[in-house]
Amino acid sequence: MIELIKNLLGFGPKINMKELMASGALVIDVRTPAEYKDGHVKGAINLPLQTLGNNLNKLKKDQVIITCCRSGSRSGMAKRMLKANGFEQVHNGGAWTSLKA
């Protein structure tokens, strides 16, 4: 029970996003197309948060997914939406610039 609470509060094991990406995780950038055009993670797909719900059928529920945006707020909402729809392995990558390096 304590481990569950730690994970829910973000004190769980640290996820290595670079390792997940190197292993083939799908990076979904949930910013607007204009924001995405100004720069994005190589290989990321652009599914703006407001359209994500209509595009769930384009994603595989068993795939490892990393969401990202400008600051981490929209990607957090996207993660919650995906998890609520049965996607198991979803991680909030936060700001796209932190994944790019």
PDB file of N, CA and C in Angstrom:
ATOM      1  N   MET A   1       0.817  -1.188   0.000  1.00  0.00           N
ATOM      2  CA  MET A   1       0.000   0.000   0.000  1.00  0.00           C
ATOM      3  C   MET A   1       0.867   1.260   0.000  1.00  0.00           C
ATOM      4  N   ILE A   2       1.932   1.260   0.790  1.00  0.00           N
ATOM      5  CA  ILE A   2       2.822   2.421   0.845  1.00  0.00           C
ATOM      6  C   ILE A   2       3.487   2.654  -0.503  1.00  0.00           C
ATOM      7  N   GLU A   3       3.893   1.572  -1.182  1.00  0.00           N
ATOM      8  CA  GLU A   3       4.502   1.714  -2.510  1.00  0.00           C
ATOM      9  C   GLU A   3       3.526   2.339  -3.495  1.00  0.00           C
ATOM     10  N   LEU A   4       2.258   1.933  -3.433  1.00  0.00           N
ATOM     11  CA  LEU A   4       1.236   2.490  -4.314  1.00  0.00           C
ATOM     12  C   LEU A   4       1.096   3.995  -4.079  1.00  0.00           C
ATOM     13  N   ILE A   5       1.051   4.398  -2.832  1.00  0.00           N
ATOM     14  CA  ILE A   5       0.927   5.823  -2.493  1.00  0.00           C
ATOM     15  C   ILE A   5       2.155   6.590  -2.988  1.00  0.00           C
ATOM     16  N   LYS A   6       3.339   6.029  -2.803  1.00  0.00           N
ATOM     17  CA  LYS A   6       4.563   6.676  -3.281  1.00  0.00           C
ATOM     18  C   LYS A   6       4.512   6.858  -4.797  1.00  0.00           C
ATOM     19  N   ASN A   7       4.077   5.815  -5.514  1.00  0.00           N
ATOM     20  CA  ASN A   7       3.995   5.901  -6.973  1.00  0.00           C
ATOM     21  C   ASN A   7       2.978   6.950  -7.408  1.00  0.00           C
ATOM     22  N   LEU A   8       1.841   6.984  -6.730  1.00  0.00           N
ATOM     23  CA  LEU A   8       0.802   7.953  -7.075  1.00  0.00           C
ATOM     24  C   LEU A   8       1.273   9.388  -6.849  1.00  0.00           C
ATOM     25  N   LEU A   9       2.084   9.601  -5.842  1.00  0.00           N
ATOM     26  CA  LEU A   9       2.591  10.943  -5.533  1.00  0.00           C
ATOM     27  C   LEU A   9       3.868  11.283  -6.306  1.00  0.00           C
ATOM     28  N   GLY A  10       4.337  10.360  -7.124  1.00  0.00           N
ATOM     29  CA  GLY A  10       5.522  10.620  -7.924  1.00  0.00           C
ATOM     30  C   GLY A  10       6.825  10.301  -7.230  1.00  0.00           C
ATOM     31  N   PHE A  11       6.774   9.565  -6.121  1.00  0.00           N
ATOM     32  CA  PHE A  11       7.985   9.207  -5.401  1.00  0.00           C
ATOM     33  C   PHE A  11       8.444   7.789  -5.714  1.00  0.00           C
ATOM     34  N   GLY A  12       7.852   7.185  -6.714  1.00  0.00           N
ATOM     35  CA  GLY A  12       8.191   5.814  -7.080  1.00  0.00           C
ATOM     36  C   GLY A  12       9.505   5.758  -7.829  1.00  0.00           C
ATOM     37  N   PRO A  13       9.806   4.598  -8.381  1.00  0.00           N
ATOM     38  CA  PRO A  13      11.055   4.459  -9.124  1.00  0.00           C
ATOM     39  C   PRO A  13      11.107   5.433 -10.298  1.00  0.00           C
ATOM     40  N   LYS A  14      12.280   6.004 -10.518  1.00  0.00           N
ATOM     41  CA  LYS A  14      12.465   6.964 -11.605  1.00  0.00           C
ATOM     42  C   LYS A  14      12.461   6.223 -12.937  1.00  0.00           C
ATOM     43  N   ILE A  15      11.685   6.726 -13.882  1.00  0.00           N
ATOM     44  CA  ILE A  15      11.603   6.129 -15.211  1.00  0.00           C
ATOM     45  C   ILE A  15      12.647   6.787 -16.102  1.00  0.00           C
ATOM     46  N   ASN A  16      13.441   5.986 -16.791  1.00  0.00           N
ATOM     47  CA  ASN A  16      14.448   6.512 -17.708  1.00  0.00           C
ATOM     48  C   ASN A  16      13.809   6.650 -19.092  1.00  0.00           C
ATOM     49  N   MET A  17      13.390   7.861 -19.428  1.00  0.00           N
ATOM     50  CA  MET A  17      12.701   8.113 -20.703  1.00  0.00           C
ATOM     51  C   MET A  17      13.602   7.809 -21.900  1.00  0.00           C
ATOM     52  N   LYS A  18      14.881   8.106 -21.765  1.00  0.00           N
ATOM     53  CA  LYS A  18      15.821   7.852 -22.877  1.00  0.00           C
ATOM     54  C   LYS A  18      15.881   6.359 -23.193  1.00  0.00           C
ATOM     55  N   GLU A  19      15.899   5.522 -22.144  1.00  0.00           N
ATOM     56  CA  GLU A  19      15.924   4.074 -22.357  1.00  0.00           C
ATOM     57  C   GLU A  19      14.630   3.614 -23.021  1.00  0.00           C
ATOM     58  N   LEU A  20      13.499   4.151 -22.556  1.00  0.00           N
ATOM     59  CA  LEU A  20      12.218   3.773 -23.162  1.00  0.00           C
ATOM     60  C   LEU A  20      12.187   4.159 -24.641  1.00  0.00           C
ATOM     61  N   MET A  21      12.676   5.359 -24.953  1.00  0.00           N
ATOM     62  CA  MET A  21      12.698   5.814 -26.345  1.00  0.00           C
ATOM     63  C   MET A  21      13.619   4.938 -27.184  1.00  0.00           C
ATOM     64  N   ALA A  22      14.777   4.590 -26.642  1.00  0.00           N
ATOM     65  CA  ALA A  22      15.725   3.743 -27.370  1.00  0.00           C
ATOM     66  C   ALA A  22      15.152   2.351 -27.599  1.00  0.00           C
ATOM     67  N   SER A  23      14.232   1.940 -26.727  1.00  0.00           N
ATOM     68  CA  SER A  23      13.608   0.622 -26.861  1.00  0.00           C
ATOM     69  C   SER A  23      12.356   0.644 -27.739  1.00  0.00           C
ATOM     70  N   GLY A  24      12.061   1.797 -28.333  1.00  0.00           N
ATOM     71  CA  GLY A  24      10.947   1.861 -29.272  1.00  0.00           C
ATOM     72  C   GLY A  24       9.651   2.453 -28.751  1.00  0.00           C
ATOM     73  N   ALA A  25       9.699   3.139 -27.621  1.00  0.00           N
ATOM     74  CA  ALA A  25       8.478   3.780 -27.111  1.00  0.00           C
ATOM     75  C   ALA A  25       7.980   4.813 -28.114  1.00  0.00           C
ATOM     76  N   LEU A  26       6.674   4.930 -28.199  1.00  0.00           N
ATOM     77  CA  LEU A  26       6.049   5.927 -29.059  1.00  0.00           C
ATOM     78  C   LEU A  26       5.969   7.236 -28.295  1.00  0.00           C
ATOM     79  N   VAL A  27       6.517   8.300 -28.871  1.00  0.00           N
ATOM     80  CA  VAL A  27       6.432   9.622 -28.253  1.00  0.00           C
ATOM     81  C   VAL A  27       5.291  10.378 -28.912  1.00  0.00           C
ATOM     82  N   ILE A  28       4.331  10.799 -28.087  1.00  0.00           N
ATOM     83  CA  ILE A  28       3.192  11.566 -28.589  1.00  0.00           C
ATOM     84  C   ILE A  28       3.313  12.987 -28.061  1.00  0.00           C
ATOM     85  N   ASP A  29       3.450  13.932 -28.978  1.00  0.00           N
ATOM     86  CA  ASP A  29       3.529  15.347 -28.650  1.00  0.00           C
ATOM     87  C   ASP A  29       2.109  15.899 -28.733  1.00  0.00           C
ATOM     88  N   VAL A  30       1.573  16.361 -27.604  1.00  0.00           N
ATOM     89  CA  VAL A  30       0.172  16.778 -27.563  1.00  0.00           C
ATOM     90  C   VAL A  30       0.005  18.296 -27.703  1.00  0.00           C
ATOM     91  N   ARG A  31       1.039  18.983 -28.170  1.00  0.00           N
ATOM     92  CA  ARG A  31       0.938  20.419 -28.427  1.00  0.00           C
ATOM     93  C   ARG A  31       0.192  20.668 -29.740  1.00  0.00           C
ATOM     94  N   THR A  32      -0.083  21.924 -30.020  1.00  0.00           N
ATOM     95  CA  THR A  32      -0.754  22.291 -31.269  1.00  0.00           C
ATOM     96  C   THR A  32       0.184  22.028 -32.451  1.00  0.00           C
ATOM     97  N   PRO A  33      -0.379  21.898 -33.659  1.00  0.00           N
ATOM     98  CA  PRO A  33       0.483  21.716 -34.835  1.00  0.00           C
ATOM     99  C   PRO A  33       1.502  22.848 -35.009  1.00  0.00           C
ATOM    100  N   ALA A  34       1.136  24.080 -34.695  1.00  0.00           N
ATOM    101  CA  ALA A  34       2.076  25.198 -34.808  1.00  0.00           C
ATOM    102  C   ALA A  34       3.233  25.053 -33.835  1.00  0.00           C
ATOM    103  N   GLU A  35       2.933  24.646 -32.607  1.00  0.00           N
ATOM    104  CA  GLU A  35       3.995  24.426 -31.615  1.00  0.00           C
ATOM    105  C   GLU A  35       4.908  23.294 -32.058  1.00  0.00           C
ATOM    106  N   TYR A  36       4.310  22.218 -32.553  1.00  0.00           N
ATOM    107  CA  TYR A  36       5.070  21.054 -33.013  1.00  0.00           C
ATOM    108  C   TYR A  36       5.998  21.442 -34.165  1.00  0.00           C
ATOM    109  N   LYS A  37       5.483  22.273 -35.077  1.00  0.00           N
ATOM    110  CA  LYS A  37       6.260  22.696 -36.244  1.00  0.00           C
ATOM    111  C   LYS A  37       7.498  23.496 -35.828  1.00  0.00           C
ATOM    112  N   ASP A  38       7.395  24.216 -34.712  1.00  0.00           N
ATOM    113  CA  ASP A  38       8.524  25.028 -34.236  1.00  0.00           C
ATOM    114  C   ASP A  38       9.651  24.180 -33.647  1.00  0.00           C
ATOM    115  N   GLY A  39       9.407  22.896 -33.425  1.00  0.00           N
ATOM    116  CA  GLY A  39      10.421  21.995 -32.890  1.00  0.00           C
ATOM    117  C   GLY A  39       9.771  20.850 -32.153  1.00  0.00           C
ATOM    118  N   HIS A  40      10.358  19.664 -32.284  1.00  0.00           N
ATOM    119  CA  HIS A  40       9.807  18.481 -31.625  1.00  0.00           C
ATOM    120  C   HIS A  40      10.865  17.395 -31.510  1.00  0.00           C
ATOM    121  N   VAL A  41      10.548  16.379 -30.739  1.00  0.00           N
ATOM    122  CA  VAL A  41      11.432  15.228 -30.576  1.00  0.00           C
ATOM    123  C   VAL A  41      11.429  14.432 -31.876  1.00  0.00           C
ATOM    124  N   LYS A  42      12.605  14.042 -32.327  1.00  0.00           N
ATOM    125  CA  LYS A  42      12.715  13.239 -33.543  1.00  0.00           C
ATOM    126  C   LYS A  42      11.903  11.956 -33.388  1.00  0.00           C
ATOM    127  N   GLY A  43      11.030  11.684 -34.350  1.00  0.00           N
ATOM    128  CA  GLY A  43      10.214  10.481 -34.344  1.00  0.00           C
ATOM    129  C   GLY A  43       8.891  10.622 -33.614  1.00  0.00           C
ATOM    130  N   ALA A  44       8.678  11.764 -32.934  1.00  0.00           N
ATOM    131  CA  ALA A  44       7.422  11.974 -32.211  1.00  0.00           C
ATOM    132  C   ALA A  44       6.277  12.204 -33.189  1.00  0.00           C
ATOM    133  N   ILE A  45       5.094  11.749 -32.807  1.00  0.00           N
ATOM    134  CA  ILE A  45       3.913  12.047 -33.604  1.00  0.00           C
ATOM    135  C   ILE A  45       3.137  13.161 -32.902  1.00  0.00           C
ATOM    136  N   ASN A  46       2.494  13.993 -33.695  1.00  0.00           N
ATOM    137  CA  ASN A  46       1.735  15.119 -33.157  1.00  0.00           C
ATOM    138  C   ASN A  46       0.260  14.766 -33.108  1.00  0.00           C
ATOM    139  N   LEU A  47      -0.240  14.585 -31.898  1.00  0.00           N
ATOM    140  CA  LEU A  47      -1.671  14.379 -31.665  1.00  0.00           C
ATOM    141  C   LEU A  47      -2.077  15.402 -30.610  1.00  0.00           C
ATOM    142  N   PRO A  48      -2.525  16.594 -31.031  1.00  0.00           N
ATOM    143  CA  PRO A  48      -2.899  17.622 -30.066  1.00  0.00           C
ATOM    144  C   PRO A  48      -3.894  17.093 -29.032  1.00  0.00           C
ATOM    145  N   LEU A  49      -3.760  17.566 -27.801  1.00  0.00           N
ATOM    146  CA  LEU A  49      -4.592  17.079 -26.706  1.00  0.00           C
ATOM    147  C   LEU A  49      -6.072  17.107 -27.056  1.00  0.00           C
ATOM    148  N   GLN A  50      -6.527  18.184 -27.714  1.00  0.00           N
ATOM    149  CA  GLN A  50      -7.955  18.300 -28.021  1.00  0.00           C
ATOM    150  C   GLN A  50      -8.427  17.284 -29.062  1.00  0.00           C
ATOM    151  N   THR A  51      -7.504  16.636 -29.769  1.00  0.00           N
ATOM    152  CA  THR A  51      -7.899  15.620 -30.764  1.00  0.00           C
ATOM    153  C   THR A  51      -7.539  14.203 -30.322  1.00  0.00           C
ATOM    154  N   LEU A  52      -6.819  14.080 -29.230  1.00  0.00           N
ATOM    155  CA  LEU A  52      -6.323  12.775 -28.792  1.00  0.00           C
ATOM    156  C   LEU A  52      -7.453  11.761 -28.613  1.00  0.00           C
ATOM    157  N   GLY A  53      -8.521  12.162 -27.966  1.00  0.00           N
ATOM    158  CA  GLY A  53      -9.643  11.252 -27.716  1.00  0.00           C
ATOM    159  C   GLY A  53     -10.237  10.661 -28.980  1.00  0.00           C
ATOM    160  N   ASN A  54     -10.203  11.421 -30.068  1.00  0.00           N
ATOM    161  CA  ASN A  54     -10.754  10.940 -31.345  1.00  0.00           C
ATOM    162  C   ASN A  54      -9.766  10.070 -32.118  1.00  0.00           C
ATOM    163  N   ASN A  55      -8.537   9.963 -31.619  1.00  0.00           N
ATOM    164  CA  ASN A  55      -7.506   9.210 -32.332  1.00  0.00           C
ATOM    165  C   ASN A  55      -6.982   8.005 -31.570  1.00  0.00           C
ATOM    166  N   LEU A  56      -7.658   7.621 -30.508  1.00  0.00           N
ATOM    167  CA  LEU A  56      -7.194   6.489 -29.698  1.00  0.00           C
ATOM    168  C   LEU A  56      -7.115   5.201 -30.503  1.00  0.00           C
ATOM    169  N   ASN A  57      -7.991   5.057 -31.502  1.00  0.00           N
ATOM    170  CA  ASN A  57      -7.993   3.836 -32.313  1.00  0.00           C
ATOM    171  C   ASN A  57      -6.740   3.706 -33.184  1.00  0.00           C
ATOM    172  N   LYS A  58      -5.959   4.760 -33.306  1.00  0.00           N
ATOM    173  CA  LYS A  58      -4.720   4.722 -34.088  1.00  0.00           C
ATOM    174  C   LYS A  58      -3.537   4.233 -33.255  1.00  0.00           C
ATOM    175  N   LEU A  59      -3.777   4.044 -31.953  1.00  0.00           N
ATOM    176  CA  LEU A  59      -2.707   3.649 -31.041  1.00  0.00           C
ATOM    177  C   LEU A  59      -2.920   2.230 -30.549  1.00  0.00           C
ATOM    178  N   LYS A  60      -1.815   1.559 -30.227  1.00  0.00           N
ATOM    179  CA  LYS A  60      -1.886   0.193 -29.698  1.00  0.00           C
ATOM    180  C   LYS A  60      -1.854   0.247 -28.180  1.00  0.00           C
ATOM    181  N   LYS A  61      -2.810  -0.427 -27.554  1.00  0.00           N
ATOM    182  CA  LYS A  61      -2.925  -0.378 -26.099  1.00  0.00           C
ATOM    183  C   LYS A  61      -1.750  -1.023 -25.378  1.00  0.00           C
ATOM    184  N   ASP A  62      -1.025  -1.916 -26.055  1.00  0.00           N
ATOM    185  CA  ASP A  62       0.094  -2.583 -25.387  1.00  0.00           C
ATOM    186  C   ASP A  62       1.440  -1.906 -25.664  1.00  0.00           C
ATOM    187  N   GLN A  63       1.433  -0.820 -26.402  1.00  0.00           N
ATOM    188  CA  GLN A  63       2.678  -0.131 -26.725  1.00  0.00           C
ATOM    189  C   GLN A  63       3.082   0.809 -25.588  1.00  0.00           C
ATOM    190  N   VAL A  64       4.388   0.942 -25.392  1.00  0.00           N
ATOM    191  CA  VAL A  64       4.902   1.909 -24.425  1.00  0.00           C
ATOM    192  C   VAL A  64       4.771   3.286 -25.062  1.00  0.00           C
ATOM    193  N   ILE A  65       4.120   4.209 -24.339  1.00  0.00           N
ATOM    194  CA  ILE A  65       3.862   5.550 -24.850  1.00  0.00           C
ATOM    195  C   ILE A  65       4.420   6.579 -23.880  1.00  0.00           C
ATOM    196  N   ILE A  66       5.071   7.600 -24.446  1.00  0.00           N
ATOM    197  CA  ILE A  66       5.541   8.747 -23.672  1.00  0.00           C
ATOM    198  C   ILE A  66       4.825   9.970 -24.226  1.00  0.00           C
ATOM    199  N   THR A  67       4.143  10.701 -23.360  1.00  0.00           N
ATOM    200  CA  THR A  67       3.489  11.930 -23.786  1.00  0.00           C
ATOM    201  C   THR A  67       4.390  13.115 -23.452  1.00  0.00           C
ATOM    202  N   CYS A  68       4.339  14.151 -24.285  1.00  0.00           N
ATOM    203  CA  CYS A  68       5.100  15.362 -24.002  1.00  0.00           C
ATOM    204  C   CYS A  68       4.353  16.576 -24.531  1.00  0.00           C
ATOM    205  N   CYS A  69       4.730  17.744 -24.028  1.00  0.00           N
ATOM    206  CA  CYS A  69       4.121  19.003 -24.459  1.00  0.00           C
ATOM    207  C   CYS A  69       5.139  20.116 -24.201  1.00  0.00           C
ATOM    208  N   ARG A  70       4.681  21.315 -23.895  1.00  0.00           N
ATOM    209  CA  ARG A  70       5.597  22.424 -23.630  1.00  0.00           C
ATOM    210  C   ARG A  70       6.140  22.377 -22.209  1.00  0.00           C
ATOM    211  N   SER A  71       5.251  22.083 -21.237  1.00  0.00           N
ATOM    212  CA  SER A  71       5.683  22.157 -19.840  1.00  0.00           C
ATOM    213  C   SER A  71       5.451  20.884 -19.031  1.00  0.00           C
ATOM    214  N   GLY A  72       4.550  20.022 -19.507  1.00  0.00           N
ATOM    215  CA  GLY A  72       4.221  18.804 -18.763  1.00  0.00           C
ATOM    216  C   GLY A  72       2.770  18.756 -18.328  1.00  0.00           C
ATOM    217  N   SER A  73       2.071  19.871 -18.431  1.00  0.00           N
ATOM    218  CA  SER A  73       0.672  19.930 -18.000  1.00  0.00           C
ATOM    219  C   SER A  73      -0.250  19.165 -18.961  1.00  0.00           C
ATOM    220  N   ARG A  74      -0.198  19.521 -20.241  1.00  0.00           N
ATOM    221  CA  ARG A  74      -1.046  18.834 -21.226  1.00  0.00           C
ATOM    222  C   ARG A  74      -0.651  17.374 -21.369  1.00  0.00           C
ATOM    223  N   SER A  75       0.647  17.080 -21.272  1.00  0.00           N
ATOM    224  CA  SER A  75       1.075  15.685 -21.384  1.00  0.00           C
ATOM    225  C   SER A  75       0.577  14.870 -20.197  1.00  0.00           C
ATOM    226  N   GLY A  76       0.451  15.507 -19.035  1.00  0.00           N
ATOM    227  CA  GLY A  76      -0.123  14.835 -17.868  1.00  0.00           C
ATOM    228  C   GLY A  76      -1.592  14.510 -18.093  1.00  0.00           C
ATOM    229  N   MET A  77      -2.321  15.461 -18.680  1.00  0.00           N
ATOM    230  CA  MET A  77      -3.734  15.213 -19.001  1.00  0.00           C
ATOM    231  C   MET A  77      -3.860  14.099 -20.036  1.00  0.00           C
ATOM    232  N   ALA A  78      -2.962  14.104 -21.014  1.00  0.00           N
ATOM    233  CA  ALA A  78      -2.983  13.066 -22.055  1.00  0.00           C
ATOM    234  C   ALA A  78      -2.708  11.694 -21.442  1.00  0.00           C
ATOM    235  N   LYS A  79      -1.760  11.633 -20.522  1.00  0.00           N
ATOM    236  CA  LYS A  79      -1.457  10.366 -19.849  1.00  0.00           C
ATOM    237  C   LYS A  79      -2.689   9.852 -19.124  1.00  0.00           C
ATOM    238  N   ARG A  80      -3.353  10.723 -18.369  1.00  0.00           N
ATOM    239  CA  ARG A  80      -4.553  10.303 -17.639  1.00  0.00           C
ATOM    240  C   ARG A  80      -5.642   9.821 -18.595  1.00  0.00           C
ATOM    241  N   MET A  81      -5.812  10.501 -19.723  1.00  0.00           N
ATOM    242  CA  MET A  81      -6.815  10.103 -20.706  1.00  0.00           C
ATOM    243  C   MET A  81      -6.494   8.717 -21.276  1.00  0.00           C
ATOM    244  N   LEU A  82      -5.241   8.507 -21.629  1.00  0.00           N
ATOM    245  CA  LEU A  82      -4.838   7.216 -22.186  1.00  0.00           C
ATOM    246  C   LEU A  82      -5.024   6.097 -21.161  1.00  0.00           C
ATOM    247  N   LYS A  83      -4.592   6.338 -19.921  1.00  0.00           N
ATOM    248  CA  LYS A  83      -4.739   5.326 -18.873  1.00  0.00           C
ATOM    249  C   LYS A  83      -6.218   5.005 -18.644  1.00  0.00           C
ATOM    250  N   ALA A  84      -7.066   6.012 -18.655  1.00  0.00           N
ATOM    251  CA  ALA A  84      -8.505   5.817 -18.442  1.00  0.00           C
ATOM    252  C   ALA A  84      -9.139   5.007 -19.573  1.00  0.00           C
ATOM    253  N   ASN A  85      -8.466   4.987 -20.729  1.00  0.00           N
ATOM    254  CA  ASN A  85      -8.983   4.244 -21.874  1.00  0.00           C
ATOM    255  C   ASN A  85      -8.263   2.915 -22.083  1.00  0.00           C
ATOM    256  N   GLY A  86      -7.591   2.435 -21.062  1.00  0.00           N
ATOM    257  CA  GLY A  86      -7.017   1.090 -21.114  1.00  0.00           C
ATOM    258  C   GLY A  86      -5.591   0.972 -21.593  1.00  0.00           C
ATOM    259  N   PHE A  87      -4.915   2.087 -21.808  1.00  0.00           N
ATOM    260  CA  PHE A  87      -3.509   2.035 -22.194  1.00  0.00           C
ATOM    261  C   PHE A  87      -2.701   1.844 -20.912  1.00  0.00           C
ATOM    262  N   GLU A  88      -1.900   0.777 -20.883  1.00  0.00           N
ATOM    263  CA  GLU A  88      -1.228   0.374 -19.653  1.00  0.00           C
ATOM    264  C   GLU A  88       0.109   1.075 -19.408  1.00  0.00           C
ATOM    265  N   GLN A  89       0.925   1.203 -20.448  1.00  0.00           N
ATOM    266  CA  GLN A  89       2.307   1.656 -20.288  1.00  0.00           C
ATOM    267  C   GLN A  89       2.471   3.080 -20.809  1.00  0.00           C
ATOM    268  N   VAL A  90       1.933   4.043 -20.067  1.00  0.00           N
ATOM    269  CA  VAL A  90       1.976   5.438 -20.479  1.00  0.00           C
ATOM    270  C   VAL A  90       2.788   6.236 -19.466  1.00  0.00           C
ATOM    271  N   HIS A  91       3.675   7.075 -19.958  1.00  0.00           N
ATOM    272  CA  HIS A  91       4.535   7.882 -19.102  1.00  0.00           C
ATOM    273  C   HIS A  91       4.466   9.340 -19.536  1.00  0.00           C
ATOM    274  N   ASN A  92       4.413  10.239 -18.567  1.00  0.00           N
ATOM    275  CA  ASN A  92       4.442  11.666 -18.856  1.00  0.00           C
ATOM    276  C   ASN A  92       5.897  12.089 -18.967  1.00  0.00           C
ATOM    277  N   GLY A  93       6.319  12.390 -20.185  1.00  0.00           N
ATOM    278  CA  GLY A  93       7.695  12.825 -20.416  1.00  0.00           C
ATOM    279  C   GLY A  93       7.917  14.290 -20.107  1.00  0.00           C
ATOM    280  N   GLY A  94       6.834  15.012 -19.808  1.00  0.00           N
ATOM    281  CA  GLY A  94       6.967  16.441 -19.479  1.00  0.00           C
ATOM    282  C   GLY A  94       7.257  17.280 -20.707  1.00  0.00           C
ATOM    283  N   ALA A  95       8.138  18.243 -20.534  1.00  0.00           N
ATOM    284  CA  ALA A  95       8.487  19.159 -21.620  1.00  0.00           C
ATOM    285  C   ALA A  95       9.232  18.427 -22.735  1.00  0.00           C
ATOM    286  N   TRP A  96       8.842  18.703 -23.961  1.00  0.00           N
ATOM    287  CA  TRP A  96       9.468  18.017 -25.103  1.00  0.00           C
ATOM    288  C   TRP A  96      10.960  18.295 -25.158  1.00  0.00           C
ATOM    289  N   THR A  97      11.373  19.461 -24.694  1.00  0.00           N
ATOM    290  CA  THR A  97      12.804  19.814 -24.740  1.00  0.00           C
ATOM    291  C   THR A  97      13.636  18.918 -23.830  1.00  0.00           C
ATOM    292  N   SER A  98      13.030  18.402 -22.757  1.00  0.00           N
ATOM    293  CA  SER A  98      13.783  17.518 -21.866  1.00  0.00           C
ATOM    294  C   SER A  98      13.974  16.138 -22.505  1.00  0.00           C
ATOM    295  N   LEU A  99      13.094  15.765 -23.426  1.00  0.00           N
ATOM    296  CA  LEU A  99      13.229  14.483 -24.123  1.00  0.00           C
ATOM    297  C   LEU A  99      14.171  14.594 -25.317  1.00  0.00           C
ATOM    298  N   LYS A 100      14.295  15.792 -25.854  1.00  0.00           N
ATOM    299  CA  LYS A 100      15.069  16.017 -27.072  1.00  0.00           C
ATOM    300  C   LYS A 100      16.570  15.837 -26.855  1.00  0.00           C
ATOM    301  N   ALA A 101      17.047  16.225 -25.698  1.00  0.00           N
ATOM    302  CA  ALA A 101      18.501  16.230 -25.435  1.00  0.00           C
ATOM    303  C   ALA A 101      19.124  14.846 -25.535  1.00  0.00           C
TER     304      ALA A 101
END
